[in-house]
Protein backbone atom coordinates (compact mmCIF):
# COMPACT_ATOMS: atom_id res chain seq x y z
CA MET A 1 0.00 0.00 0.00
CA ASN A 2 1.30 3.43 -0.92
CA THR A 3 1.46 5.57 2.22
CA LYS A 4 0.93 9.25 1.69
CA THR A 5 3.65 11.54 3.09
CA MET A 6 3.97 15.23 3.88
CA LYS A 7 6.81 17.69 4.42
CA ALA A 8 7.75 18.55 8.00
CA PHE A 9 10.63 20.29 9.79
CA THR A 10 12.09 17.83 12.31
CA PHE A 11 14.94 17.16 14.69
CA LYS A 12 16.45 13.66 14.91
CA ARG A 13 18.23 13.68 18.27
CA TYR A 14 18.84 15.77 21.38
CA GLY A 15 22.06 17.66 22.04
CA LYS A 16 24.63 19.67 20.12
CA SER A 17 23.83 18.22 16.67
CA PRO A 18 20.07 17.64 16.59
CA GLU A 19 20.05 17.33 12.77
CA LEU A 20 17.37 19.93 12.13
CA GLY A 21 15.90 19.75 8.67
CA PHE A 22 13.08 18.83 6.32
CA ASP A 23 11.74 15.30 6.28
CA ASN A 24 9.00 13.46 4.48
CA ILE A 25 6.88 11.97 7.24
CA ASP A 26 3.67 9.94 7.26
CA TYR A 27 0.51 11.86 6.51
CA PRO A 28 -1.37 12.03 9.83
CA SER A 29 -4.54 10.17 10.72
CA ILE A 30 -7.02 11.54 13.25
CA GLY A 31 -8.76 10.08 16.29
CA PRO A 32 -12.46 10.57 17.11
CA ASP A 33 -11.85 13.81 19.09
CA GLU A 34 -9.35 15.37 16.67
CA ILE A 35 -9.37 17.58 13.60
CA LEU A 36 -6.98 17.51 10.66
CA VAL A 37 -5.73 20.96 9.73
CA LYS A 38 -4.01 22.16 6.57
CA VAL A 39 -1.41 24.41 8.18
CA TYR A 40 -1.16 27.92 6.73
CA ALA A 41 1.20 29.55 9.24
CA VAL A 42 3.21 28.68 12.37
CA GLY A 43 4.25 31.10 15.10
CA LEU A 44 7.71 30.37 16.53
CA ASN A 45 8.54 30.53 20.24
CA PRO A 46 11.89 30.52 22.10
CA ILE A 47 11.13 26.99 23.37
CA ASP A 48 11.30 25.73 19.77
CA ASN A 49 15.04 26.41 19.87
CA MET A 50 15.39 24.89 23.35
CA ILE A 51 13.59 21.56 22.80
CA PRO A 52 16.29 20.01 20.52
CA THR A 53 18.99 20.78 23.11
CA GLY A 54 17.36 18.24 25.43
CA ILE A 55 16.83 20.70 28.30
CA PHE A 56 13.10 19.84 28.47
CA LYS A 57 13.58 16.11 27.83
CA PRO A 58 12.43 15.07 31.34
CA VAL A 59 9.24 17.12 30.91
CA LEU A 60 8.22 17.10 27.24
CA HIS A 61 8.04 13.74 25.51
CA PHE A 62 8.73 13.37 21.79
CA LYS A 63 9.18 10.30 19.68
CA LEU A 64 12.25 11.00 17.51
CA PRO A 65 12.50 12.16 14.80
CA ALA A 66 10.00 14.80 15.98
CA THR A 67 8.35 17.74 14.25
CA LEU A 68 9.11 21.13 15.82
CA GLY A 69 6.65 23.99 16.47
CA SER A 70 3.44 24.25 18.45
CA ASP A 71 1.46 27.32 17.32
CA LEU A 72 -0.53 27.12 14.10
CA SER A 73 -3.35 28.53 12.04
CA GLY A 74 -5.02 26.87 9.10
CA ILE A 75 -8.11 25.30 7.58
CA VAL A 76 -9.90 22.21 8.88
CA ILE A 77 -9.95 19.50 6.20
CA ALA A 78 -11.33 16.55 8.21
CA THR A 79 -12.93 15.92 11.59
CA GLY A 80 -13.08 12.89 13.89
CA SER A 81 -16.36 11.08 14.52
CA ARG A 82 -17.00 12.78 17.88
CA VAL A 83 -16.07 16.34 16.86
CA THR A 84 -18.99 18.80 17.08
CA SER A 85 -17.36 22.27 17.24
CA PHE A 86 -15.64 22.29 13.83
CA LYS A 87 -16.36 21.30 10.26
CA PRO A 88 -14.21 21.11 7.11
CA GLY A 89 -13.54 24.60 5.77
CA ASP A 90 -13.37 26.27 9.23
CA GLU A 91 -10.43 28.62 9.73
CA ILE A 92 -8.84 27.86 13.11
CA PHE A 93 -5.85 28.65 15.30
CA ALA A 94 -4.42 26.50 18.08
CA SER A 95 -1.46 25.49 20.20
CA ILE A 96 -0.47 21.81 20.21
CA PHE A 97 2.32 22.42 22.71
CA ASP A 98 3.10 19.46 24.99
CA ARG A 99 1.28 16.95 22.75
CA GLY A 100 4.40 15.17 21.50
CA THR A 101 3.77 16.36 17.92
CA GLY A 102 4.66 19.57 16.11
CA SER A 103 3.11 22.15 13.81
CA LEU A 104 5.94 22.92 11.35
CA ALA A 105 4.40 20.65 8.73
CA GLU A 106 1.97 20.78 5.84
CA PHE A 107 -0.77 19.20 7.98
CA ALA A 108 -1.32 18.88 11.73
CA VAL A 109 -3.60 16.92 14.02
CA VAL A 110 -5.27 19.10 16.65
CA PRO A 111 -7.46 17.83 19.52
CA GLU A 112 -10.87 19.54 19.25
CA SER A 113 -10.55 21.00 22.76
CA LEU A 114 -7.35 22.89 21.85
CA ALA A 115 -8.58 24.72 18.74
CA ALA A 116 -10.59 27.92 18.30
CA ILE A 117 -12.11 29.69 15.30
CA LYS A 118 -9.62 32.24 13.94
CA PRO A 119 -10.52 35.88 14.70
CA ALA A 120 -12.31 37.17 11.59
CA ASN A 121 -10.40 40.46 11.39
CA ILE A 122 -6.87 39.01 11.13
CA ASP A 123 -5.06 36.81 8.61
CA PHE A 124 -3.47 33.38 9.10
CA VAL A 125 -0.01 34.82 9.83
CA GLN A 126 -1.34 37.08 12.58
CA ALA A 127 -3.46 34.26 14.02
CA ALA A 128 -0.47 31.89 14.12
CA SER A 129 1.47 34.45 16.14
CA LEU A 130 -1.00 34.30 19.02
CA PRO A 131 -1.54 30.91 20.70
CA MET A 132 1.44 30.41 23.01
CA VAL A 133 2.03 34.06 23.96
CA SER A 134 -1.65 34.81 24.42
CA LEU A 135 -2.36 31.67 26.49
CA THR A 136 0.77 32.23 28.59
CA ALA A 137 -0.17 35.86 29.33
CA TRP A 138 -3.82 34.91 29.96
CA GLN A 139 -2.98 32.06 32.34
CA ALA A 140 -0.32 34.08 34.17
CA LEU A 141 -2.40 37.23 34.65
CA THR A 142 -5.95 35.92 35.08
CA GLU A 143 -5.47 32.45 36.64
CA ARG A 144 -2.20 32.59 38.54
CA ALA A 145 -1.99 36.28 39.48
CA CYS A 146 -5.78 36.94 39.69
CA LEU A 147 -4.95 40.42 38.39
CA GLN A 148 -7.29 43.16 39.62
CA SER A 149 -7.92 46.51 37.96
CA GLY A 150 -5.59 49.16 39.39
CA GLN A 151 -2.78 46.73 40.27
CA LYS A 152 0.74 47.24 38.95
CA VAL A 153 2.40 44.61 36.75
CA PHE A 154 6.07 44.53 35.75
CA ILE A 155 6.59 42.83 32.37
CA PRO A 156 10.30 42.96 31.41
CA ALA A 157 11.30 42.87 27.71
CA GLY A 158 8.15 44.63 26.56
CA SER A 159 9.03 44.53 22.87
CA GLY A 160 9.39 40.73 22.69
CA GLY A 161 6.76 38.20 21.62
CA ILE A 162 5.33 37.58 25.09
CA GLY A 163 5.91 41.15 26.32
CA SER A 164 4.09 42.84 23.46
CA PHE A 165 0.99 40.70 24.05
CA ALA A 166 1.10 40.70 27.87
CA ILE A 167 1.33 44.52 28.05
CA GLN A 168 -1.83 44.86 25.96
CA LEU A 169 -3.70 42.22 27.98
CA ALA A 170 -2.67 43.72 31.34
CA LYS A 171 -3.83 47.16 30.17
CA HIS A 172 -7.13 45.70 28.97
CA LEU A 173 -7.58 44.16 32.46
CA GLY A 174 -7.11 47.61 34.01
CA ALA A 175 -3.55 47.28 35.30
CA LYS A 176 -0.71 49.79 35.33
CA VAL A 177 2.24 48.32 33.42
CA GLY A 178 5.98 48.77 33.82
CA THR A 179 8.48 47.33 31.34
CA THR A 180 12.08 47.41 30.11
CA THR A 181 13.29 47.82 26.56
CA SER A 182 16.18 49.33 24.59
CA SER A 183 16.25 53.00 23.57
CA VAL A 184 14.90 52.41 20.06
CA ASN A 185 11.72 50.75 21.36
CA VAL A 186 10.82 53.06 24.27
CA GLU A 187 8.18 55.01 22.37
CA TRP A 188 6.84 51.88 20.68
CA VAL A 189 6.17 49.95 23.96
CA SER A 190 4.54 53.09 25.37
CA ARG A 191 2.15 53.00 22.42
CA LEU A 192 1.36 49.36 23.29
CA GLY A 193 0.20 50.67 26.67
CA ALA A 194 3.20 50.55 29.03
CA ASP A 195 2.94 53.29 31.71
CA GLU A 196 6.52 53.15 33.03
CA VAL A 197 9.27 52.28 30.55
CA VAL A 198 12.87 51.78 31.65
CA ASP A 199 15.58 51.91 28.99
CA TYR A 200 17.76 49.07 30.25
CA LYS A 201 20.78 50.46 28.42
CA LYS A 202 20.64 53.60 30.57
CA GLN A 203 19.13 52.54 33.91
CA GLU A 204 18.72 49.55 36.21
CA PHE A 205 14.98 48.88 36.49
CA GLU A 206 15.24 47.91 40.18
CA ASN A 207 16.48 51.44 40.98
CA VAL A 208 13.60 53.09 39.11
CA LEU A 209 10.45 51.00 39.67
CA SER A 210 8.70 50.26 42.96
CA GLY A 211 5.36 49.24 44.50
CA TYR A 212 4.51 46.51 41.99
CA ASP A 213 1.98 43.74 42.73
CA ILE A 214 3.02 41.26 40.06
CA VAL A 215 6.16 40.45 38.09
CA LEU A 216 6.10 38.30 34.95
CA GLY A 217 9.46 36.55 34.60
CA THR A 218 10.25 36.76 30.89
CA VAL A 219 14.03 37.28 30.86
CA ARG A 220 16.81 34.83 31.69
CA GLY A 221 19.62 35.75 34.06
CA ASP A 222 19.36 37.68 37.32
CA THR A 223 16.31 39.79 36.32
CA ILE A 224 13.98 37.63 38.42
CA GLU A 225 16.07 38.02 41.57
CA LYS A 226 16.39 41.76 41.03
CA SER A 227 12.64 42.04 40.46
CA THR A 228 11.95 41.13 44.12
CA ARG A 229 13.12 44.68 44.79
CA VAL A 230 10.34 46.29 42.75
CA LEU A 231 7.60 44.13 44.29
CA LYS A 232 5.69 45.13 47.38
CA PRO A 233 5.15 42.66 50.27
CA GLY A 234 2.47 40.15 49.23
CA GLY A 235 3.56 40.51 45.61
CA LYS A 236 3.80 37.58 43.20
CA ILE A 237 6.56 36.56 40.82
CA ILE A 238 5.24 34.34 38.04
CA SER A 239 8.11 33.08 35.94
CA LEU A 240 7.67 31.81 32.41
CA ILE A 241 11.33 30.87 31.93
CA GLY A 242 12.32 29.15 35.18
CA PRO A 243 13.80 28.15 37.48
CA LEU A 244 11.37 25.23 37.58
CA ASP A 245 9.92 24.50 41.03
CA ALA A 246 8.70 21.48 43.00
CA ALA A 247 5.04 22.50 42.56
CA PHE A 248 5.48 22.23 38.79
CA ALA A 249 7.05 18.76 39.18
CA ARG A 250 4.13 17.65 41.37
CA ASP A 251 1.56 19.05 38.89
CA ARG A 252 3.11 16.99 36.12
CA GLN A 253 3.44 13.92 38.36
CA LEU A 254 7.18 13.78 37.79
CA ASN A 255 9.32 11.41 39.85
CA LEU A 256 10.69 12.23 43.31
CA PHE A 257 14.19 12.89 41.99
CA LEU A 258 12.88 15.60 39.60
CA ARG A 259 10.73 17.10 42.37
CA PHE A 260 13.84 17.32 44.51
CA LEU A 261 15.95 18.70 41.64
CA PHE A 262 13.43 21.40 40.65
CA GLY A 263 13.01 22.29 44.33
CA LEU A 264 16.77 22.77 44.51
CA MET A 265 16.82 24.88 41.32
CA SER A 266 14.21 27.31 42.65
CA ARG A 267 15.33 27.35 46.29
CA LYS A 268 17.30 30.59 46.05
CA ILE A 269 14.54 32.67 44.43
CA ILE A 270 11.82 31.20 46.68
CA ARG A 271 13.90 32.06 49.76
CA LEU A 272 14.60 35.57 48.48
CA ALA A 273 10.90 36.18 47.76
CA LYS A 274 9.84 34.75 51.14
CA LYS A 275 12.18 37.12 52.94
CA ARG A 276 10.20 39.98 51.42
CA SER A 277 6.79 38.28 52.01
CA GLN A 278 6.45 37.58 48.28
CA THR A 279 5.72 34.36 46.43
CA TYR A 280 7.46 32.71 43.45
CA SER A 281 5.95 30.21 41.02
CA PHE A 282 6.87 28.80 37.62
CA LEU A 283 4.16 28.69 34.92
CA PHE A 284 4.16 26.19 32.07
CA VAL A 285 1.58 27.12 29.46
CA ARG A 286 -1.42 24.82 28.91
CA PRO A 287 -3.05 24.65 25.45
CA ASP A 288 -6.74 25.56 25.76
CA GLY A 289 -9.25 26.17 22.97
CA ALA A 290 -11.86 27.78 25.25
CA GLN A 291 -9.34 30.40 26.38
CA LEU A 292 -8.28 31.03 22.77
CA THR A 293 -11.96 31.66 21.98
CA GLN A 294 -12.06 34.35 24.70
CA ILE A 295 -8.79 35.82 23.43
CA SER A 296 -10.25 35.82 19.91
CA LYS A 297 -13.05 38.13 21.11
CA LEU A 298 -10.44 40.61 22.42
CA ILE A 299 -8.70 40.52 19.04
CA GLU A 300 -11.96 41.03 17.13
CA ALA A 301 -12.88 43.95 19.39
CA GLU A 302 -9.37 45.34 18.70
CA HIS A 303 -8.52 45.56 22.41
CA ILE A 304 -5.35 43.66 21.48
CA VAL A 305 -3.46 43.75 18.20
CA PRO A 306 -1.05 40.93 17.17
CA VAL A 307 2.52 42.18 16.80
CA ILE A 308 4.59 40.56 14.04
CA ASP A 309 8.27 41.25 13.55
CA LYS A 310 9.17 39.08 10.57
CA VAL A 311 7.60 36.44 8.35
CA PHE A 312 9.68 33.66 6.76
CA PRO A 313 8.70 31.17 4.03
CA PHE A 314 8.50 27.47 4.99
CA ALA A 315 11.75 26.78 3.12
CA ALA A 316 13.57 29.18 5.48
CA VAL A 317 12.49 27.74 8.85
CA LYS A 318 16.14 27.36 9.91
CA ASP A 319 16.75 31.07 9.26
CA ALA A 320 13.60 31.94 11.19
CA LEU A 321 14.74 29.91 14.22
CA ASP A 322 18.21 31.51 14.06
CA TYR A 323 16.67 34.97 13.82
CA LEU A 324 14.47 34.26 16.86
CA ALA A 325 17.49 32.92 18.79
CA GLY A 326 19.18 36.30 18.23
CA GLY A 327 16.78 37.69 20.84
CA HIS A 328 15.98 40.98 19.14
CA ALA A 329 12.61 40.24 17.58
CA LYS A 330 10.08 43.04 18.05
CA GLY A 331 6.94 40.98 18.48
CA LYS A 332 6.60 37.55 16.88
CA VAL A 333 8.44 35.57 14.21
CA VAL A 334 6.11 33.57 11.96
CA VAL A 335 6.66 30.94 9.27
CA LYS A 336 4.24 30.93 6.33
CA ILE A 337 3.59 27.33 5.29
CA GLN A 338 1.05 27.97 2.50
CA GLU A 339 1.03 30.93 0.19
């Protein structure tokens, strides 16, 4: 029997030479609760560059060779027998993060519960830029932080993919927003809604900002430790980049060794926060179609506008990942799979 194949961007092993490249892989088949999507665009995220290194191997499980990418937009071409929310021809967007499969392919299988109808006022490229950053910001600010109108949120790196979305969402929820960026982007992040902008090339944010209720950890290095100084007592640090903590290991039912290890990794920041009567937690995004549907309404009402830095053709995925790794993207980097 002739098995149908499709083009996908994969990695073959973990470590220094993951052998990233295009592969012909089996055309996917769907289960009763899944939809088959012709992928039009894929939004890239920093974790796409981290997965092949093996750093998330204990947490994210892939069968190698594995397709990279998790955010996508496209058109439904088939639905499983139990699917009721979608039909062929529907334009959708979704995150399939943490499902063991990837989106940088001509077609993708998406569980019905993870997809949402694409906002009508944006195109496939803009829609593909949204899932991971919008769900991360939504879960951090509404679920974990329980953000109230009038509170102050510090979102470092305001011009990045997550920052540019989180600033707009926090403003929509009625918060005052502080951020950091380089000189060239100061005016631009202010236009996104940031109230206090620190040019990190000229000033240390911890000497300028104070009285914050919430910090979103979006930058590696010592930024998280320094941010305890801008938080008031009772404030919350919600980190999207680590260190991982024991609560995260318990949530994912990881073994005792990993619980111990993650507890060790986060011990310093937890202790530092506790000393100032603050709390620290690590947030790992959860794909969720119902939340994407709520986010879609904010996009359609133009309360939030997707921010795209650069669009690459499918053939140039490697260049797109390298560009993202450079760390200077203003908004999101997206790969266009279909013209």
